Amino acid sequence: MTTVTEAPQITPSAPTPVRRRYGVPPGLIPPLLFLIVAAVAATVPSLLTGVDPLAADPLHALAGPSAGHWFGTDHLGRDVLARVVHGAGHSLSIGAAAILLATGIGTLLGIVAGLSPRYLDELLSRLFDVLATFPELLLALMVIAITGPGTGNVILAIGVAQIPNYARVIRAQTFVVRRSGYVEQAVTFGLSRPVLVLRHVLPNVLGPLPVLATIGMGTAIIATSGLSFLGMGPQPPSPEWGSMLSEARNYLRVAPWTALFPGLAVTLTVISLTLVGRRLQRRFEGRTP
């Protein structure tokens, strides 16, 4: 007679909680290290090189990379490494100043549009849309054509070109915040409009700004180099990555290193900022553990 054995009872185990991971992902370490080096080059270039970027040595013009000149020399015999290091100060400072300008004005206009009556909101929104239809570099060139070349005008041009990016996002955030329960409750308590904006609206609409500023910094550096390449930024002999590329274009066949290293500086800086910005965006949107 066949005996039937009962199947063993399997008790379901409790679900394993998903642990939130902190720290820097390994893939983000190289861009962060590069940005740290770039920041040091922009603020304290003497820590990376003690060579004068303006010192010319015609006897060693267009010399290739060597132990004495790691990045070689340009057509005037100036050390390319020293000029790349000191050029970070111009490129990064112009980009950062333009981002600060765009962030400040864009945030102000976005909040005004989000809290204004319908007719004023429509007017500002159409203005943002019109400005956003122009490529940023083209819009910057239009501003430069009005104001003229120069470092200050380049900052103004790039900042104006990026204002719509910030204004549209802040406007959308303001609409969300103004309809929230805590803002409606604050209105019932009789808070004045300035106090309501400063205490409840402004702190709650600034969340996306670090993400936008980090990614926008890369765009601003590209625009800075592009305008300097066209001769509208810092004027020679000041070292700046875009102007270095402009000077090197006539020597690409005989001395490609004069364009290679400033071009790599621009490329790696923009890639690093983009990678960090995308990571911040995923963190802000809650798409990373």
Protein backbone atom coordinates (compact mmCIF):
# COMPACT_ATOMS: atom_id res chain seq x y z
CA MET A 1 0.00 0.00 0.00
CA THR A 2 1.44 3.33 -1.04
CA THR A 3 1.83 5.93 1.65
CA VAL A 4 1.33 9.57 0.78
CA THR A 5 3.73 11.94 2.45
CA GLU A 6 2.72 15.48 3.03
CA ALA A 7 4.70 18.20 1.28
CA PRO A 8 6.77 20.26 3.68
CA GLN A 9 5.30 23.60 4.56
CA ILE A 10 7.42 26.51 3.31
CA THR A 11 6.94 29.66 5.25
CA PRO A 12 7.47 32.74 3.16
CA SER A 13 10.38 34.79 4.35
CA ALA A 14 9.99 38.43 5.09
CA PRO A 15 10.89 40.69 2.18
CA THR A 16 14.41 41.97 2.36
CA PRO A 17 14.37 45.74 2.73
CA VAL A 18 16.08 47.64 -0.03
CA ARG A 19 18.94 49.55 1.44
CA ARG A 20 19.53 53.01 0.18
CA ARG A 21 23.08 53.36 -1.08
CA TYR A 22 25.06 56.40 -0.18
CA GLY A 23 28.42 57.60 -1.33
CA VAL A 24 29.87 58.39 -4.72
CA PRO A 25 29.28 55.84 -7.50
CA PRO A 26 32.56 54.52 -8.97
CA GLY A 27 31.69 55.84 -12.42
CA LEU A 28 31.37 59.35 -11.03
CA ILE A 29 34.81 59.44 -9.38
CA PRO A 30 36.86 60.32 -12.54
CA PRO A 31 34.67 63.31 -13.55
CA LEU A 32 34.62 64.59 -9.97
CA LEU A 33 38.41 64.32 -9.72
CA PHE A 34 38.80 66.15 -13.02
CA LEU A 35 36.45 68.91 -11.87
CA ILE A 36 38.45 69.28 -8.67
CA VAL A 37 41.65 69.66 -10.69
CA ALA A 38 39.93 72.18 -12.98
CA ALA A 39 38.72 74.14 -9.95
CA VAL A 40 42.23 74.21 -8.52
CA ALA A 41 43.58 75.38 -11.89
CA ALA A 42 40.99 78.15 -11.98
CA THR A 43 41.57 79.38 -8.43
CA VAL A 44 45.22 78.57 -7.60
CA PRO A 45 47.00 77.80 -10.90
CA SER A 46 50.42 78.16 -9.26
CA LEU A 47 49.82 74.81 -7.51
CA LEU A 48 49.84 73.04 -10.88
CA THR A 49 52.48 75.02 -12.77
CA GLY A 50 55.01 77.68 -11.97
CA VAL A 51 55.59 78.74 -15.58
CA ASP A 52 54.45 82.16 -16.77
CA PRO A 53 51.75 81.57 -19.43
CA LEU A 54 52.70 84.83 -21.18
CA ALA A 55 56.48 84.19 -21.32
CA ALA A 56 57.49 83.82 -24.96
CA ASP A 57 60.57 81.90 -26.16
CA PRO A 58 60.83 82.20 -29.96
CA LEU A 59 63.84 79.87 -30.04
CA HIS A 60 61.63 77.00 -28.87
CA ALA A 61 58.47 77.88 -30.82
CA LEU A 62 56.22 74.96 -31.81
CA ALA A 63 58.33 72.50 -29.83
CA GLY A 64 56.66 69.16 -29.24
CA PRO A 65 55.76 67.73 -25.83
CA SER A 66 58.89 66.97 -23.81
CA ALA A 67 60.16 66.80 -20.24
CA GLY A 68 60.65 70.56 -20.24
CA HIS A 69 57.24 71.32 -21.82
CA TRP A 70 54.78 68.53 -21.14
CA PHE A 71 52.18 69.91 -23.58
CA GLY A 72 54.70 71.47 -25.96
CA THR A 73 54.90 75.15 -26.93
CA ASP A 74 52.86 77.37 -29.23
CA HIS A 75 53.91 79.57 -32.15
CA LEU A 76 55.47 82.12 -29.78
CA GLY A 77 57.25 79.55 -27.66
CA ARG A 78 54.81 79.85 -24.75
CA ASP A 79 54.26 76.79 -22.60
CA VAL A 80 50.94 75.17 -23.59
CA LEU A 81 50.47 73.46 -20.21
CA ALA A 82 50.80 76.77 -18.37
CA ARG A 83 48.34 78.42 -20.74
CA VAL A 84 45.81 75.59 -20.39
CA VAL A 85 46.06 75.73 -16.59
CA HIS A 86 45.76 79.51 -16.40
CA GLY A 87 43.08 79.49 -19.11
CA ALA A 88 40.80 77.52 -16.79
CA GLY A 89 40.38 80.66 -14.70
CA HIS A 90 38.95 82.61 -17.64
CA SER A 91 36.76 79.84 -19.06
CA LEU A 92 35.31 78.62 -15.75
CA SER A 93 34.84 82.08 -14.23
CA ILE A 94 33.02 83.39 -17.30
CA GLY A 95 30.80 80.30 -17.38
CA ALA A 96 30.07 80.50 -13.64
CA ALA A 97 29.28 84.22 -13.78
CA ALA A 98 26.93 83.68 -16.72
CA ILE A 99 25.15 80.87 -14.86
CA LEU A 100 24.74 83.05 -11.76
CA LEU A 101 23.26 85.81 -13.90
CA ALA A 102 20.89 83.44 -15.70
CA THR A 103 19.88 81.74 -12.44
CA GLY A 104 19.11 84.98 -10.63
CA ILE A 105 17.13 86.65 -13.41
CA GLY A 106 15.49 83.39 -14.54
CA THR A 107 14.34 82.58 -11.00
CA LEU A 108 12.92 86.06 -10.52
CA LEU A 109 11.06 86.05 -13.83
CA GLY A 110 9.79 82.50 -13.28
CA ILE A 111 8.34 83.34 -9.86
CA VAL A 112 6.80 86.56 -11.19
CA ALA A 113 5.18 84.66 -14.07
CA GLY A 114 3.92 81.89 -11.78
CA LEU A 115 2.31 84.30 -9.32
CA SER A 116 1.07 86.96 -11.74
CA PRO A 117 -2.39 87.40 -13.24
CA ARG A 118 -3.14 85.42 -16.36
CA TYR A 119 -2.41 88.19 -18.87
CA LEU A 120 1.06 88.92 -17.46
CA ASP A 121 1.86 85.22 -17.16
CA GLU A 122 0.90 84.74 -20.83
CA LEU A 123 3.07 87.68 -21.87
CA LEU A 124 6.13 86.41 -19.99
CA SER A 125 5.55 82.83 -21.14
CA ARG A 126 5.46 83.89 -24.79
CA LEU A 127 8.68 85.86 -24.22
CA PHE A 128 10.35 82.76 -22.75
CA ASP A 129 9.14 80.67 -25.69
CA VAL A 130 10.45 83.14 -28.27
CA LEU A 131 13.88 83.34 -26.62
CA ALA A 132 14.02 79.55 -26.27
CA THR A 133 13.51 79.07 -30.01
CA PHE A 134 16.90 80.64 -30.72
CA PRO A 135 20.02 78.49 -30.30
CA GLU A 136 21.86 79.79 -27.25
CA LEU A 137 25.07 80.59 -29.13
CA LEU A 138 23.13 82.48 -31.81
CA LEU A 139 21.26 84.47 -29.17
CA ALA A 140 24.57 85.23 -27.45
CA LEU A 141 25.99 86.44 -30.76
CA MET A 142 23.01 88.76 -31.16
CA VAL A 143 23.66 90.25 -27.72
CA ILE A 144 27.38 90.61 -28.51
CA ALA A 145 26.51 92.39 -31.75
CA ILE A 146 24.64 94.98 -29.68
CA THR A 147 27.00 95.31 -26.71
CA GLY A 148 30.34 94.63 -28.38
CA PRO A 149 33.13 92.17 -27.48
CA GLY A 150 34.74 91.85 -24.07
CA THR A 151 34.65 89.60 -21.03
CA GLY A 152 31.76 91.40 -19.34
CA ASN A 153 29.68 91.41 -22.49
CA VAL A 154 30.35 87.72 -23.04
CA ILE A 155 29.05 87.00 -19.53
CA LEU A 156 25.97 89.11 -20.25
CA ALA A 157 25.37 87.44 -23.62
CA ILE A 158 25.65 83.87 -22.33
CA GLY A 159 23.58 84.68 -19.25
CA VAL A 160 20.77 86.23 -21.29
CA ALA A 161 20.79 83.25 -23.65
CA GLN A 162 20.27 80.83 -20.74
CA ILE A 163 17.58 82.78 -18.86
CA PRO A 164 14.61 81.02 -20.56
CA ASN A 165 15.86 77.59 -19.38
CA TYR A 166 15.61 78.62 -15.74
CA ALA A 167 12.55 80.85 -16.02
CA ARG A 168 10.36 78.15 -17.57
CA VAL A 169 11.29 75.51 -14.97
CA ILE A 170 10.85 77.90 -12.02
CA ARG A 171 7.50 79.06 -13.43
CA ALA A 172 6.26 75.45 -13.56
CA GLN A 173 7.52 74.81 -10.02
CA THR A 174 5.80 77.98 -8.80
CA PHE A 175 2.45 76.78 -10.19
CA VAL A 176 2.83 73.53 -8.24
CA VAL A 177 3.81 75.29 -5.01
CA ARG A 178 1.12 77.97 -5.13
CA ARG A 179 -1.58 75.27 -5.31
CA SER A 180 -0.16 73.28 -2.39
CA GLY A 181 -1.99 73.01 0.90
CA TYR A 182 0.56 74.78 3.06
CA VAL A 183 0.56 77.84 0.79
CA GLU A 184 -3.24 78.01 0.79
CA GLN A 185 -3.19 77.70 4.56
CA ALA A 186 -0.62 80.48 4.83
CA VAL A 187 -2.90 82.69 2.73
CA THR A 188 -5.78 82.06 5.11
CA PHE A 189 -3.56 83.17 7.98
CA GLY A 190 -3.26 86.55 6.30
CA LEU A 191 0.44 86.51 5.40
CA SER A 192 1.47 89.32 3.10
CA ARG A 193 2.57 88.53 -0.46
CA PRO A 194 6.31 89.27 0.12
CA VAL A 195 6.41 87.13 3.28
CA LEU A 196 4.51 84.34 1.53
CA VAL A 197 6.94 84.36 -1.39
CA LEU A 198 10.12 84.51 0.71
CA ARG A 199 9.04 82.02 3.36
CA HIS A 200 7.00 79.45 1.45
CA VAL A 201 7.32 79.82 -2.32
CA LEU A 202 10.98 80.61 -2.92
CA PRO A 203 12.53 77.84 -0.77
CA ASN A 204 10.29 75.24 -2.41
CA VAL A 205 10.92 76.14 -6.05
CA LEU A 206 14.74 76.12 -5.88
CA GLY A 207 15.09 72.32 -5.92
CA PRO A 208 15.85 71.93 -9.66
CA LEU A 209 18.37 74.80 -9.75
CA PRO A 210 21.49 72.78 -8.79
CA VAL A 211 20.73 70.30 -11.56
CA LEU A 212 20.06 73.00 -14.15
CA ALA A 213 23.11 75.02 -13.10
CA THR A 214 25.47 72.04 -13.28
CA ILE A 215 24.35 71.01 -16.76
CA GLY A 216 24.06 74.64 -17.88
CA MET A 217 27.64 75.28 -16.76
CA GLY A 218 28.87 72.90 -19.45
CA THR A 219 26.80 74.70 -22.08
CA ALA A 220 28.12 78.04 -20.85
CA ILE A 221 31.74 76.85 -21.15
CA ILE A 222 31.11 75.72 -24.73
CA ALA A 223 29.55 79.09 -25.53
CA THR A 224 32.45 80.90 -23.85
CA SER A 225 35.01 78.97 -25.89
CA GLY A 226 33.00 79.50 -29.06
CA LEU A 227 32.75 83.25 -28.58
CA SER A 228 36.43 83.48 -27.63
CA PHE A 229 37.31 81.44 -30.72
CA LEU A 230 35.56 84.14 -32.77
CA GLY A 231 37.57 86.84 -30.99
CA MET A 232 34.75 88.18 -28.82
CA GLY A 233 35.98 87.02 -25.41
CA PRO A 234 39.18 87.75 -23.48
CA GLN A 235 41.66 89.24 -25.90
CA PRO A 236 45.17 87.87 -26.55
CA PRO A 237 47.63 87.35 -24.99
CA SER A 238 45.30 86.35 -22.12
CA PRO A 239 45.11 82.54 -22.02
CA GLU A 240 41.60 81.20 -22.61
CA TRP A 241 40.72 77.82 -24.06
CA GLY A 242 38.68 79.17 -26.97
CA SER A 243 41.23 81.82 -27.92
CA MET A 244 43.99 79.19 -27.71
CA LEU A 245 42.09 77.07 -30.20
CA SER A 246 41.69 80.10 -32.45
CA GLU A 247 45.44 80.79 -32.40
CA ALA A 248 46.27 77.12 -32.98
CA ARG A 249 44.11 76.61 -36.05
CA ASN A 250 46.88 77.88 -38.36
CA TYR A 251 49.39 75.35 -36.99
CA LEU A 252 47.36 72.14 -36.93
CA ARG A 253 49.57 70.40 -39.51
CA VAL A 254 52.91 71.20 -37.89
CA ALA A 255 51.93 71.46 -34.21
CA PRO A 256 48.61 69.69 -33.48
CA TRP A 257 49.31 69.70 -29.73
CA THR A 258 48.63 73.45 -29.61
CA ALA A 259 44.96 72.69 -30.30
CA LEU A 260 44.76 69.19 -28.83
CA PHE A 261 45.24 70.07 -25.17
CA PRO A 262 42.95 73.12 -24.90
CA GLY A 263 40.36 71.18 -26.89
CA LEU A 264 40.65 68.27 -24.44
CA ALA A 265 40.29 70.70 -21.54
CA VAL A 266 36.98 72.00 -22.93
CA THR A 267 35.71 68.52 -23.83
CA LEU A 268 36.57 66.82 -20.55
CA THR A 269 35.19 69.69 -18.48
CA VAL A 270 31.86 69.66 -20.31
CA ILE A 271 31.60 65.85 -20.16
CA SER A 272 32.40 65.83 -16.44
CA LEU A 273 29.83 68.53 -15.68
CA THR A 274 27.21 66.71 -17.75
CA LEU A 275 27.82 63.39 -15.97
CA VAL A 276 27.59 65.02 -12.55
CA GLY A 277 24.51 66.98 -13.59
CA ARG A 278 22.72 63.88 -14.90
CA ARG A 279 23.46 62.08 -11.66
CA LEU A 280 22.03 65.00 -9.68
CA GLN A 281 18.98 64.95 -11.94
CA ARG A 282 18.34 61.24 -11.30
CA ARG A 283 18.80 61.82 -7.58
CA PHE A 284 16.39 64.77 -7.63
CA GLU A 285 13.78 62.77 -9.55
CA GLY A 286 14.14 59.81 -7.19
CA ARG A 287 15.36 57.42 -9.89
CA THR A 288 18.52 56.32 -8.06
CA PRO A 289 18.68 54.08 -4.95
